[in-house]
Amino acid sequence: MILSILKIIVWYLAIGCIFTLIVDWATDHAKKHWKQHGIEIPDDSEWNNESRMIAILVWPLGILFFLNGFFKTYFNNNNKNNK
């Protein structure tokens, strides 16, 4: 029983770490490559260790916010391209 709970906690934290690594990579990638397309990335988008730890703990909320923003942007761009 205790081992299964520990296993769940370890998996939860591991997924949170992977999520945080992906967000860090995506932010760095956007800063390097999107400026040439006229898309500005705010300078305050840097993460510190405290924000990384919070992201590891609440990663399901981060995924929900990401998906919400992604789909809003995707469908708005599709609607603009179809007009």
N, C-alpha and C. Protein backbone atom coordinates (compact mmCIF):
# COMPACT_ATOMS: atom_id res chain seq x y z
N MET A 1 0.82 -1.19 0.00
CA MET A 1 0.00 0.00 0.00
C MET A 1 0.86 1.25 0.00
N ILE A 2 1.83 1.33 0.91
CA ILE A 2 2.67 2.51 0.99
C ILE A 2 3.55 2.62 -0.25
N LEU A 3 4.03 1.49 -0.75
CA LEU A 3 4.86 1.51 -1.94
C LEU A 3 4.07 1.99 -3.16
N SER A 4 2.82 1.62 -3.27
CA SER A 4 2.03 2.07 -4.41
C SER A 4 1.77 3.58 -4.32
N ILE A 5 1.57 4.11 -3.13
CA ILE A 5 1.39 5.55 -2.97
C ILE A 5 2.68 6.28 -3.32
N LEU A 6 3.81 5.75 -2.87
CA LEU A 6 5.09 6.35 -3.21
C LEU A 6 5.35 6.31 -4.71
N LYS A 7 4.96 5.20 -5.34
CA LYS A 7 5.13 5.07 -6.78
C LYS A 7 4.30 6.14 -7.52
N ILE A 8 3.09 6.39 -7.07
CA ILE A 8 2.24 7.42 -7.67
C ILE A 8 2.87 8.80 -7.49
N ILE A 9 3.38 9.07 -6.31
CA ILE A 9 4.01 10.37 -6.04
C ILE A 9 5.24 10.56 -6.91
N VAL A 10 6.05 9.52 -7.05
CA VAL A 10 7.26 9.62 -7.87
C VAL A 10 6.89 9.87 -9.33
N TRP A 11 5.89 9.17 -9.84
CA TRP A 11 5.45 9.38 -11.23
C TRP A 11 4.90 10.78 -11.42
N TYR A 12 4.12 11.26 -10.47
CA TYR A 12 3.55 12.60 -10.54
C TYR A 12 4.67 13.64 -10.62
N LEU A 13 5.67 13.51 -9.75
CA LEU A 13 6.78 14.46 -9.75
C LEU A 13 7.64 14.33 -11.00
N ALA A 14 7.81 13.10 -11.49
CA ALA A 14 8.59 12.90 -12.72
C ALA A 14 7.91 13.56 -13.91
N ILE A 15 6.61 13.41 -14.02
CA ILE A 15 5.87 14.06 -15.11
C ILE A 15 5.97 15.58 -14.97
N GLY A 16 5.90 16.07 -13.74
CA GLY A 16 6.07 17.51 -13.50
C GLY A 16 7.43 18.01 -13.93
N CYS A 17 8.47 17.24 -13.67
CA CYS A 17 9.83 17.62 -14.10
C CYS A 17 9.92 17.65 -15.63
N ILE A 18 9.36 16.66 -16.28
CA ILE A 18 9.38 16.62 -17.75
C ILE A 18 8.60 17.80 -18.31
N PHE A 19 7.45 18.10 -17.73
CA PHE A 19 6.65 19.24 -18.17
C PHE A 19 7.46 20.54 -18.03
N THR A 20 8.14 20.71 -16.90
CA THR A 20 8.93 21.91 -16.67
C THR A 20 10.09 22.01 -17.65
N LEU A 21 10.73 20.90 -17.95
CA LEU A 21 11.81 20.91 -18.94
C LEU A 21 11.29 21.32 -20.32
N ILE A 22 10.13 20.82 -20.69
CA ILE A 22 9.55 21.16 -21.99
C ILE A 22 9.20 22.65 -22.05
N VAL A 23 8.65 23.18 -20.98
CA VAL A 23 8.31 24.60 -20.96
C VAL A 23 9.57 25.46 -21.05
N ASP A 24 10.62 25.07 -20.32
CA ASP A 24 11.89 25.80 -20.40
C ASP A 24 12.45 25.76 -21.82
N TRP A 25 12.44 24.60 -22.42
CA TRP A 25 12.95 24.46 -23.78
C TRP A 25 12.12 25.31 -24.76
N ALA A 26 10.80 25.25 -24.63
CA ALA A 26 9.93 26.00 -25.53
C ALA A 26 10.14 27.50 -25.39
N THR A 27 10.34 27.97 -24.16
CA THR A 27 10.58 29.39 -23.94
C THR A 27 11.89 29.83 -24.58
N ASP A 28 12.94 29.05 -24.38
CA ASP A 28 14.23 29.37 -24.99
C ASP A 28 14.14 29.34 -26.52
N HIS A 29 13.47 28.34 -27.05
CA HIS A 29 13.30 28.22 -28.49
C HIS A 29 12.53 29.41 -29.05
N ALA A 30 11.47 29.81 -28.36
CA ALA A 30 10.67 30.94 -28.83
C ALA A 30 11.48 32.23 -28.82
N LYS A 31 12.27 32.43 -27.79
CA LYS A 31 13.08 33.65 -27.71
C LYS A 31 14.10 33.71 -28.85
N LYS A 32 14.65 32.57 -29.23
CA LYS A 32 15.68 32.56 -30.26
C LYS A 32 15.11 32.65 -31.67
N HIS A 33 13.97 32.01 -31.92
CA HIS A 33 13.50 31.85 -33.29
C HIS A 33 12.29 32.70 -33.66
N TRP A 34 11.50 33.13 -32.72
CA TRP A 34 10.28 33.85 -33.07
C TRP A 34 10.51 35.33 -33.30
N LYS A 35 11.61 35.87 -32.80
CA LYS A 35 11.88 37.30 -33.01
C LYS A 35 12.02 37.61 -34.49
N GLN A 36 12.55 36.67 -35.26
CA GLN A 36 12.71 36.91 -36.68
C GLN A 36 11.37 36.95 -37.42
N HIS A 37 10.30 36.48 -36.78
CA HIS A 37 8.96 36.53 -37.36
C HIS A 37 8.13 37.67 -36.79
N GLY A 38 8.77 38.53 -35.99
CA GLY A 38 8.07 39.68 -35.44
C GLY A 38 7.28 39.41 -34.18
N ILE A 39 7.48 38.26 -33.58
CA ILE A 39 6.77 37.92 -32.35
C ILE A 39 7.71 38.19 -31.18
N GLU A 40 7.32 39.09 -30.32
CA GLU A 40 8.15 39.45 -29.18
C GLU A 40 7.81 38.58 -27.97
N ILE A 41 8.82 38.09 -27.31
CA ILE A 41 8.67 37.31 -26.08
C ILE A 41 9.08 38.23 -24.94
N PRO A 42 8.21 38.43 -23.94
CA PRO A 42 8.57 39.33 -22.84
C PRO A 42 9.81 38.87 -22.10
N ASP A 43 10.59 39.84 -21.64
CA ASP A 43 11.81 39.51 -20.91
C ASP A 43 11.52 38.89 -19.55
N ASP A 44 10.34 39.15 -19.00
CA ASP A 44 10.01 38.61 -17.68
C ASP A 44 9.49 37.18 -17.75
N SER A 45 9.67 36.52 -18.90
CA SER A 45 9.21 35.14 -19.03
C SER A 45 10.25 34.14 -18.53
N GLU A 46 11.33 34.64 -17.95
CA GLU A 46 12.33 33.74 -17.38
C GLU A 46 11.79 33.08 -16.12
N TRP A 47 12.14 31.83 -15.94
CA TRP A 47 11.72 31.08 -14.76
C TRP A 47 12.86 31.08 -13.75
N ASN A 48 12.50 31.19 -12.49
CA ASN A 48 13.50 30.97 -11.45
C ASN A 48 13.21 29.61 -10.81
N ASN A 49 14.02 29.21 -9.86
CA ASN A 49 13.85 27.88 -9.28
C ASN A 49 12.54 27.75 -8.52
N GLU A 50 12.08 28.84 -7.90
CA GLU A 50 10.81 28.78 -7.18
C GLU A 50 9.65 28.52 -8.14
N SER A 51 9.63 29.20 -9.27
CA SER A 51 8.55 28.98 -10.22
C SER A 51 8.63 27.59 -10.85
N ARG A 52 9.83 27.07 -11.02
CA ARG A 52 9.98 25.70 -11.53
C ARG A 52 9.41 24.68 -10.54
N MET A 53 9.69 24.88 -9.26
CA MET A 53 9.17 23.96 -8.24
C MET A 53 7.64 24.00 -8.19
N ILE A 54 7.08 25.19 -8.31
CA ILE A 54 5.62 25.31 -8.32
C ILE A 54 5.06 24.62 -9.56
N ALA A 55 5.71 24.79 -10.70
CA ALA A 55 5.25 24.14 -11.93
C ALA A 55 5.30 22.62 -11.82
N ILE A 56 6.32 22.10 -11.14
CA ILE A 56 6.41 20.66 -10.96
C ILE A 56 5.24 20.15 -10.12
N LEU A 57 4.84 20.93 -9.14
CA LEU A 57 3.77 20.50 -8.25
C LEU A 57 2.37 20.67 -8.85
N VAL A 58 2.19 21.67 -9.69
CA VAL A 58 0.85 21.94 -10.23
C VAL A 58 0.82 21.77 -11.76
N TRP A 59 1.60 20.85 -12.29
CA TRP A 59 1.69 20.67 -13.74
C TRP A 59 0.36 20.38 -14.43
N PRO A 60 -0.61 19.72 -13.82
CA PRO A 60 -1.87 19.53 -14.55
C PRO A 60 -2.55 20.86 -14.89
N LEU A 61 -2.46 21.83 -13.99
CA LEU A 61 -3.02 23.15 -14.28
C LEU A 61 -2.24 23.82 -15.41
N GLY A 62 -0.94 23.65 -15.41
CA GLY A 62 -0.12 24.22 -16.48
C GLY A 62 -0.49 23.66 -17.84
N ILE A 63 -0.75 22.38 -17.89
CA ILE A 63 -1.15 21.76 -19.16
C ILE A 63 -2.51 22.30 -19.60
N LEU A 64 -3.43 22.47 -18.67
CA LEU A 64 -4.75 23.02 -19.02
C LEU A 64 -4.62 24.44 -19.58
N PHE A 65 -3.82 25.28 -18.94
CA PHE A 65 -3.63 26.64 -19.43
C PHE A 65 -2.95 26.64 -20.80
N PHE A 66 -1.97 25.76 -20.97
CA PHE A 66 -1.29 25.67 -22.26
C PHE A 66 -2.27 25.27 -23.36
N LEU A 67 -3.05 24.22 -23.11
CA LEU A 67 -4.00 23.76 -24.13
C LEU A 67 -5.04 24.83 -24.44
N ASN A 68 -5.51 25.52 -23.43
CA ASN A 68 -6.48 26.59 -23.63
C ASN A 68 -5.89 27.68 -24.54
N GLY A 69 -4.70 28.15 -24.23
CA GLY A 69 -4.06 29.18 -25.05
C GLY A 69 -3.74 28.69 -26.44
N PHE A 70 -3.28 27.45 -26.55
CA PHE A 70 -2.94 26.90 -27.85
C PHE A 70 -4.15 26.83 -28.76
N PHE A 71 -5.26 26.29 -28.25
CA PHE A 71 -6.44 26.16 -29.09
C PHE A 71 -7.06 27.50 -29.43
N LYS A 72 -7.04 28.46 -28.51
CA LYS A 72 -7.55 29.79 -28.83
C LYS A 72 -6.72 30.41 -29.94
N THR A 73 -5.40 30.33 -29.84
CA THR A 73 -4.53 30.90 -30.86
C THR A 73 -4.68 30.16 -32.18
N TYR A 74 -4.74 28.85 -32.13
CA TYR A 74 -4.85 28.05 -33.34
C TYR A 74 -6.13 28.35 -34.10
N PHE A 75 -7.24 28.37 -33.40
CA PHE A 75 -8.51 28.60 -34.08
C PHE A 75 -8.67 30.05 -34.50
N ASN A 76 -8.11 31.00 -33.76
CA ASN A 76 -8.15 32.40 -34.20
C ASN A 76 -7.34 32.59 -35.47
N ASN A 77 -6.17 31.95 -35.55
CA ASN A 77 -5.35 32.06 -36.76
C ASN A 77 -6.02 31.39 -37.94
N ASN A 78 -6.68 30.26 -37.73
CA ASN A 78 -7.39 29.58 -38.81
C ASN A 78 -8.55 30.43 -39.31
N ASN A 79 -9.27 31.07 -38.40
CA ASN A 79 -10.39 31.93 -38.81
C ASN A 79 -9.90 33.12 -39.60
N LYS A 80 -8.77 33.71 -39.22
CA LYS A 80 -8.22 34.85 -39.95
C LYS A 80 -7.73 34.43 -41.33
N ASN A 81 -7.15 33.23 -41.44
CA ASN A 81 -6.65 32.75 -42.73
C ASN A 81 -7.77 32.37 -43.67
N ASN A 82 -8.93 31.96 -43.15
CA ASN A 82 -10.03 31.55 -44.00
C ASN A 82 -10.85 32.71 -44.53
N LYS A 83 -10.67 33.90 -43.96
CA LYS A 83 -11.46 35.07 -44.42
C LYS A 83 -10.87 35.70 -45.63
